[in-house]
Amino acid sequence: MAAVTKDVRALRDAPPAAVASKLPAHEQLVNGMLNTFESRIRAMHVQADPAWTSVIDSVRTDLARLPAMPSASLASFLPQHLNRVMRIVACIQMVKS
């Protein structure tokens, strides 16, 4: 969670020209977090909440769309994506504690 939070802050603070080059590492990091958490949920035999699944699907859709976005679209869309990622981080932290 700390690595994802640090990555989100770095993307929020990055100049627009630098964001595109950071997206592959961001995608890998976020997908890894999602995959790990989903595996843990399945191992506990817990049924995922539909709202939770929807947010995860939205983030995965974002990750697929972000690399192809023009700079202007990326700059306006990225904050929404990062907010979704941080909502997931907050939920995971809440479950862990």
N, C-alpha and C. Protein backbone atom coordinates (compact mmCIF):
# COMPACT_ATOMS: atom_id res chain seq x y z
N MET A 1 0.81 -1.19 0.00
CA MET A 1 0.00 0.00 0.00
C MET A 1 0.86 1.26 0.00
N ALA A 2 1.97 1.20 0.72
CA ALA A 2 2.84 2.38 0.79
C ALA A 2 3.41 2.70 -0.59
N ALA A 3 3.77 1.69 -1.34
CA ALA A 3 4.34 1.92 -2.68
C ALA A 3 3.30 2.52 -3.62
N VAL A 4 2.07 2.05 -3.54
CA VAL A 4 1.01 2.59 -4.39
C VAL A 4 0.71 4.04 -4.00
N THR A 5 0.63 4.30 -2.71
CA THR A 5 0.38 5.67 -2.24
C THR A 5 1.50 6.61 -2.70
N LYS A 6 2.72 6.17 -2.58
CA LYS A 6 3.86 6.99 -3.02
C LYS A 6 3.78 7.24 -4.53
N ASP A 7 3.42 6.20 -5.28
CA ASP A 7 3.29 6.33 -6.73
C ASP A 7 2.19 7.31 -7.11
N VAL A 8 1.06 7.24 -6.42
CA VAL A 8 -0.05 8.16 -6.69
C VAL A 8 0.39 9.59 -6.44
N ARG A 9 1.08 9.82 -5.33
CA ARG A 9 1.57 11.19 -5.03
C ARG A 9 2.53 11.67 -6.11
N ALA A 10 3.41 10.78 -6.55
CA ALA A 10 4.38 11.16 -7.59
C ALA A 10 3.67 11.52 -8.89
N LEU A 11 2.64 10.77 -9.25
CA LEU A 11 1.90 11.08 -10.47
C LEU A 11 1.12 12.39 -10.33
N ARG A 12 0.56 12.64 -9.15
CA ARG A 12 -0.17 13.89 -8.94
C ARG A 12 0.76 15.10 -9.06
N ASP A 13 2.01 14.93 -8.61
CA ASP A 13 2.96 16.04 -8.62
C ASP A 13 3.78 16.15 -9.91
N ALA A 14 3.69 15.13 -10.75
CA ALA A 14 4.52 15.11 -11.97
C ALA A 14 4.01 16.12 -12.99
N PRO A 15 4.95 16.73 -13.72
CA PRO A 15 4.52 17.61 -14.81
C PRO A 15 3.84 16.76 -15.89
N PRO A 16 2.86 17.31 -16.57
CA PRO A 16 2.10 16.54 -17.56
C PRO A 16 2.98 15.80 -18.57
N ALA A 17 4.07 16.40 -18.97
CA ALA A 17 4.95 15.75 -19.96
C ALA A 17 5.61 14.49 -19.41
N ALA A 18 5.75 14.39 -18.11
CA ALA A 18 6.42 13.24 -17.50
C ALA A 18 5.46 12.11 -17.13
N VAL A 19 4.18 12.40 -17.11
CA VAL A 19 3.20 11.40 -16.65
C VAL A 19 3.20 10.17 -17.55
N ALA A 20 3.19 10.36 -18.86
CA ALA A 20 3.10 9.24 -19.79
C ALA A 20 4.22 8.22 -19.57
N SER A 21 5.41 8.69 -19.28
CA SER A 21 6.53 7.77 -19.09
C SER A 21 6.42 6.99 -17.78
N LYS A 22 5.61 7.49 -16.85
CA LYS A 22 5.43 6.82 -15.55
C LYS A 22 4.28 5.82 -15.56
N LEU A 23 3.47 5.82 -16.60
CA LEU A 23 2.28 4.97 -16.62
C LEU A 23 2.57 3.47 -16.62
N PRO A 24 3.57 2.97 -17.35
CA PRO A 24 3.80 1.52 -17.31
C PRO A 24 4.12 1.01 -15.90
N ALA A 25 4.94 1.72 -15.16
CA ALA A 25 5.25 1.31 -13.79
C ALA A 25 4.02 1.42 -12.90
N HIS A 26 3.22 2.46 -13.11
CA HIS A 26 1.99 2.65 -12.33
C HIS A 26 1.04 1.48 -12.59
N GLU A 27 0.87 1.13 -13.85
CA GLU A 27 -0.02 0.02 -14.21
C GLU A 27 0.43 -1.28 -13.54
N GLN A 28 1.70 -1.56 -13.59
CA GLN A 28 2.23 -2.78 -12.99
C GLN A 28 2.00 -2.78 -11.48
N LEU A 29 2.27 -1.68 -10.84
CA LEU A 29 2.12 -1.57 -9.39
C LEU A 29 0.66 -1.74 -8.97
N VAL A 30 -0.24 -1.04 -9.63
CA VAL A 30 -1.66 -1.09 -9.27
C VAL A 30 -2.24 -2.47 -9.58
N ASN A 31 -1.93 -3.02 -10.74
CA ASN A 31 -2.42 -4.36 -11.06
C ASN A 31 -1.92 -5.39 -10.05
N GLY A 32 -0.68 -5.25 -9.64
CA GLY A 32 -0.13 -6.16 -8.63
C GLY A 32 -0.89 -6.06 -7.32
N MET A 33 -1.19 -4.84 -6.90
CA MET A 33 -1.96 -4.64 -5.67
C MET A 33 -3.34 -5.28 -5.81
N LEU A 34 -4.02 -5.03 -6.92
CA LEU A 34 -5.36 -5.57 -7.12
C LEU A 34 -5.35 -7.10 -7.15
N ASN A 35 -4.40 -7.66 -7.89
CA ASN A 35 -4.32 -9.12 -8.00
C ASN A 35 -4.05 -9.76 -6.64
N THR A 36 -3.14 -9.18 -5.88
CA THR A 36 -2.81 -9.72 -4.56
C THR A 36 -4.03 -9.67 -3.64
N PHE A 37 -4.71 -8.55 -3.62
CA PHE A 37 -5.85 -8.42 -2.72
C PHE A 37 -6.98 -9.35 -3.15
N GLU A 38 -7.24 -9.44 -4.44
CA GLU A 38 -8.31 -10.33 -4.91
C GLU A 38 -7.98 -11.79 -4.59
N SER A 39 -6.73 -12.17 -4.70
CA SER A 39 -6.32 -13.53 -4.34
C SER A 39 -6.58 -13.80 -2.87
N ARG A 40 -6.27 -12.83 -2.03
CA ARG A 40 -6.51 -12.99 -0.59
C ARG A 40 -7.99 -13.11 -0.28
N ILE A 41 -8.80 -12.33 -0.97
CA ILE A 41 -10.25 -12.39 -0.75
C ILE A 41 -10.77 -13.77 -1.16
N ARG A 42 -10.34 -14.27 -2.32
CA ARG A 42 -10.77 -15.60 -2.77
C ARG A 42 -10.32 -16.68 -1.80
N ALA A 43 -9.11 -16.56 -1.28
CA ALA A 43 -8.58 -17.56 -0.34
C ALA A 43 -9.40 -17.59 0.95
N MET A 44 -10.00 -16.48 1.31
CA MET A 44 -10.83 -16.43 2.52
C MET A 44 -12.26 -16.86 2.22
N HIS A 45 -12.54 -17.15 0.94
CA HIS A 45 -13.88 -17.57 0.51
C HIS A 45 -14.94 -16.52 0.83
N VAL A 46 -14.55 -15.27 0.61
CA VAL A 46 -15.45 -14.14 0.84
C VAL A 46 -16.01 -13.70 -0.51
N GLN A 47 -17.29 -13.43 -0.53
CA GLN A 47 -17.93 -12.94 -1.75
C GLN A 47 -17.65 -11.44 -1.89
N ALA A 48 -17.12 -11.03 -3.02
CA ALA A 48 -16.82 -9.62 -3.25
C ALA A 48 -18.11 -8.82 -3.41
N ASP A 49 -18.14 -7.65 -2.81
CA ASP A 49 -19.27 -6.75 -2.92
C ASP A 49 -19.32 -6.20 -4.35
N PRO A 50 -20.50 -6.13 -4.97
CA PRO A 50 -20.59 -5.61 -6.34
C PRO A 50 -20.03 -4.20 -6.50
N ALA A 51 -20.21 -3.35 -5.50
CA ALA A 51 -19.67 -1.98 -5.59
C ALA A 51 -18.14 -2.02 -5.61
N TRP A 52 -17.56 -2.90 -4.81
CA TRP A 52 -16.11 -3.07 -4.77
C TRP A 52 -15.61 -3.55 -6.14
N THR A 53 -16.27 -4.56 -6.68
CA THR A 53 -15.90 -5.10 -7.98
C THR A 53 -15.99 -4.02 -9.06
N SER A 54 -16.99 -3.18 -8.96
CA SER A 54 -17.16 -2.10 -9.93
C SER A 54 -16.00 -1.11 -9.90
N VAL A 55 -15.55 -0.74 -8.69
CA VAL A 55 -14.42 0.19 -8.58
C VAL A 55 -13.16 -0.45 -9.13
N ILE A 56 -12.94 -1.72 -8.82
CA ILE A 56 -11.75 -2.42 -9.35
C ILE A 56 -11.81 -2.47 -10.87
N ASP A 57 -12.97 -2.81 -11.42
CA ASP A 57 -13.11 -2.85 -12.88
C ASP A 57 -12.87 -1.47 -13.49
N SER A 58 -13.33 -0.43 -12.82
CA SER A 58 -13.11 0.94 -13.32
C SER A 58 -11.62 1.27 -13.36
N VAL A 59 -10.90 0.89 -12.31
CA VAL A 59 -9.46 1.16 -12.27
C VAL A 59 -8.75 0.37 -13.36
N ARG A 60 -9.13 -0.87 -13.56
CA ARG A 60 -8.50 -1.67 -14.62
C ARG A 60 -8.81 -1.09 -16.00
N THR A 61 -10.02 -0.60 -16.19
CA THR A 61 -10.37 0.06 -17.46
C THR A 61 -9.53 1.32 -17.63
N ASP A 62 -9.38 2.10 -16.55
CA ASP A 62 -8.53 3.29 -16.59
C ASP A 62 -7.12 2.91 -17.04
N LEU A 63 -6.56 1.87 -16.42
CA LEU A 63 -5.19 1.48 -16.72
C LEU A 63 -5.01 1.10 -18.19
N ALA A 64 -6.04 0.52 -18.77
CA ALA A 64 -5.98 0.16 -20.19
C ALA A 64 -6.09 1.40 -21.09
N ARG A 65 -6.86 2.39 -20.65
CA ARG A 65 -7.11 3.59 -21.47
C ARG A 65 -6.01 4.65 -21.36
N LEU A 66 -5.41 4.77 -20.19
CA LEU A 66 -4.48 5.87 -19.93
C LEU A 66 -3.34 5.99 -20.95
N PRO A 67 -2.65 4.90 -21.31
CA PRO A 67 -1.50 5.06 -22.21
C PRO A 67 -1.84 5.63 -23.59
N ALA A 68 -3.07 5.44 -24.05
CA ALA A 68 -3.44 5.93 -25.38
C ALA A 68 -4.03 7.34 -25.37
N MET A 69 -4.19 7.92 -24.20
CA MET A 69 -4.81 9.24 -24.11
C MET A 69 -3.85 10.34 -24.53
N PRO A 70 -4.38 11.33 -25.27
CA PRO A 70 -3.58 12.51 -25.57
C PRO A 70 -3.29 13.28 -24.27
N SER A 71 -2.25 14.06 -24.27
CA SER A 71 -1.81 14.78 -23.07
C SER A 71 -2.93 15.57 -22.39
N ALA A 72 -3.71 16.29 -23.15
CA ALA A 72 -4.77 17.11 -22.56
C ALA A 72 -5.82 16.24 -21.87
N SER A 73 -6.21 15.16 -22.50
CA SER A 73 -7.18 14.25 -21.89
C SER A 73 -6.60 13.57 -20.67
N LEU A 74 -5.34 13.19 -20.77
CA LEU A 74 -4.66 12.53 -19.66
C LEU A 74 -4.62 13.45 -18.44
N ALA A 75 -4.30 14.70 -18.66
CA ALA A 75 -4.20 15.66 -17.56
C ALA A 75 -5.54 15.84 -16.85
N SER A 76 -6.63 15.81 -17.59
CA SER A 76 -7.94 16.00 -16.94
C SER A 76 -8.49 14.70 -16.35
N PHE A 77 -8.10 13.56 -16.91
CA PHE A 77 -8.64 12.28 -16.45
C PHE A 77 -7.84 11.67 -15.30
N LEU A 78 -6.55 11.91 -15.27
CA LEU A 78 -5.68 11.28 -14.28
C LEU A 78 -6.13 11.50 -12.83
N PRO A 79 -6.52 12.72 -12.43
CA PRO A 79 -6.94 12.90 -11.03
C PRO A 79 -8.11 11.99 -10.63
N GLN A 80 -9.04 11.77 -11.54
CA GLN A 80 -10.17 10.87 -11.25
C GLN A 80 -9.67 9.44 -11.03
N HIS A 81 -8.78 9.01 -11.90
CA HIS A 81 -8.20 7.67 -11.77
C HIS A 81 -7.46 7.52 -10.45
N LEU A 82 -6.64 8.49 -10.13
CA LEU A 82 -5.85 8.41 -8.90
C LEU A 82 -6.74 8.41 -7.67
N ASN A 83 -7.85 9.14 -7.71
CA ASN A 83 -8.81 9.10 -6.60
C ASN A 83 -9.41 7.71 -6.44
N ARG A 84 -9.73 7.05 -7.55
CA ARG A 84 -10.26 5.69 -7.47
C ARG A 84 -9.22 4.74 -6.87
N VAL A 85 -7.98 4.88 -7.30
CA VAL A 85 -6.91 4.03 -6.76
C VAL A 85 -6.80 4.23 -5.25
N MET A 86 -6.84 5.47 -4.81
CA MET A 86 -6.70 5.74 -3.38
C MET A 86 -7.92 5.26 -2.58
N ARG A 87 -9.08 5.22 -3.19
CA ARG A 87 -10.25 4.65 -2.51
C ARG A 87 -10.03 3.16 -2.27
N ILE A 88 -9.45 2.49 -3.25
CA ILE A 88 -9.14 1.07 -3.09
C ILE A 88 -8.09 0.88 -2.01
N VAL A 89 -7.06 1.70 -2.03
CA VAL A 89 -6.02 1.61 -0.99
C VAL A 89 -6.64 1.78 0.38
N ALA A 90 -7.51 2.77 0.54
CA ALA A 90 -8.15 3.01 1.84
C ALA A 90 -9.00 1.82 2.27
N CYS A 91 -9.71 1.20 1.35
CA CYS A 91 -10.52 0.03 1.69
C CYS A 91 -9.64 -1.15 2.10
N ILE A 92 -8.57 -1.37 1.37
CA ILE A 92 -7.66 -2.47 1.70
C ILE A 92 -7.05 -2.24 3.07
N GLN A 93 -6.64 -1.02 3.35
CA GLN A 93 -6.07 -0.72 4.66
C GLN A 93 -7.09 -0.93 5.77
N MET A 94 -8.34 -0.58 5.51
CA MET A 94 -9.39 -0.77 6.50
C MET A 94 -9.61 -2.27 6.77
N VAL A 95 -9.60 -3.07 5.73
CA VAL A 95 -9.78 -4.51 5.88
C VAL A 95 -8.61 -5.12 6.64
N LYS A 96 -7.40 -4.63 6.37
CA LYS A 96 -6.21 -5.16 7.03
C LYS A 96 -6.18 -4.86 8.53
N SER A 97 -6.77 -3.72 8.92
CA SER A 97 -6.67 -3.32 10.33
C SER A 97 -7.79 -3.85 11.17
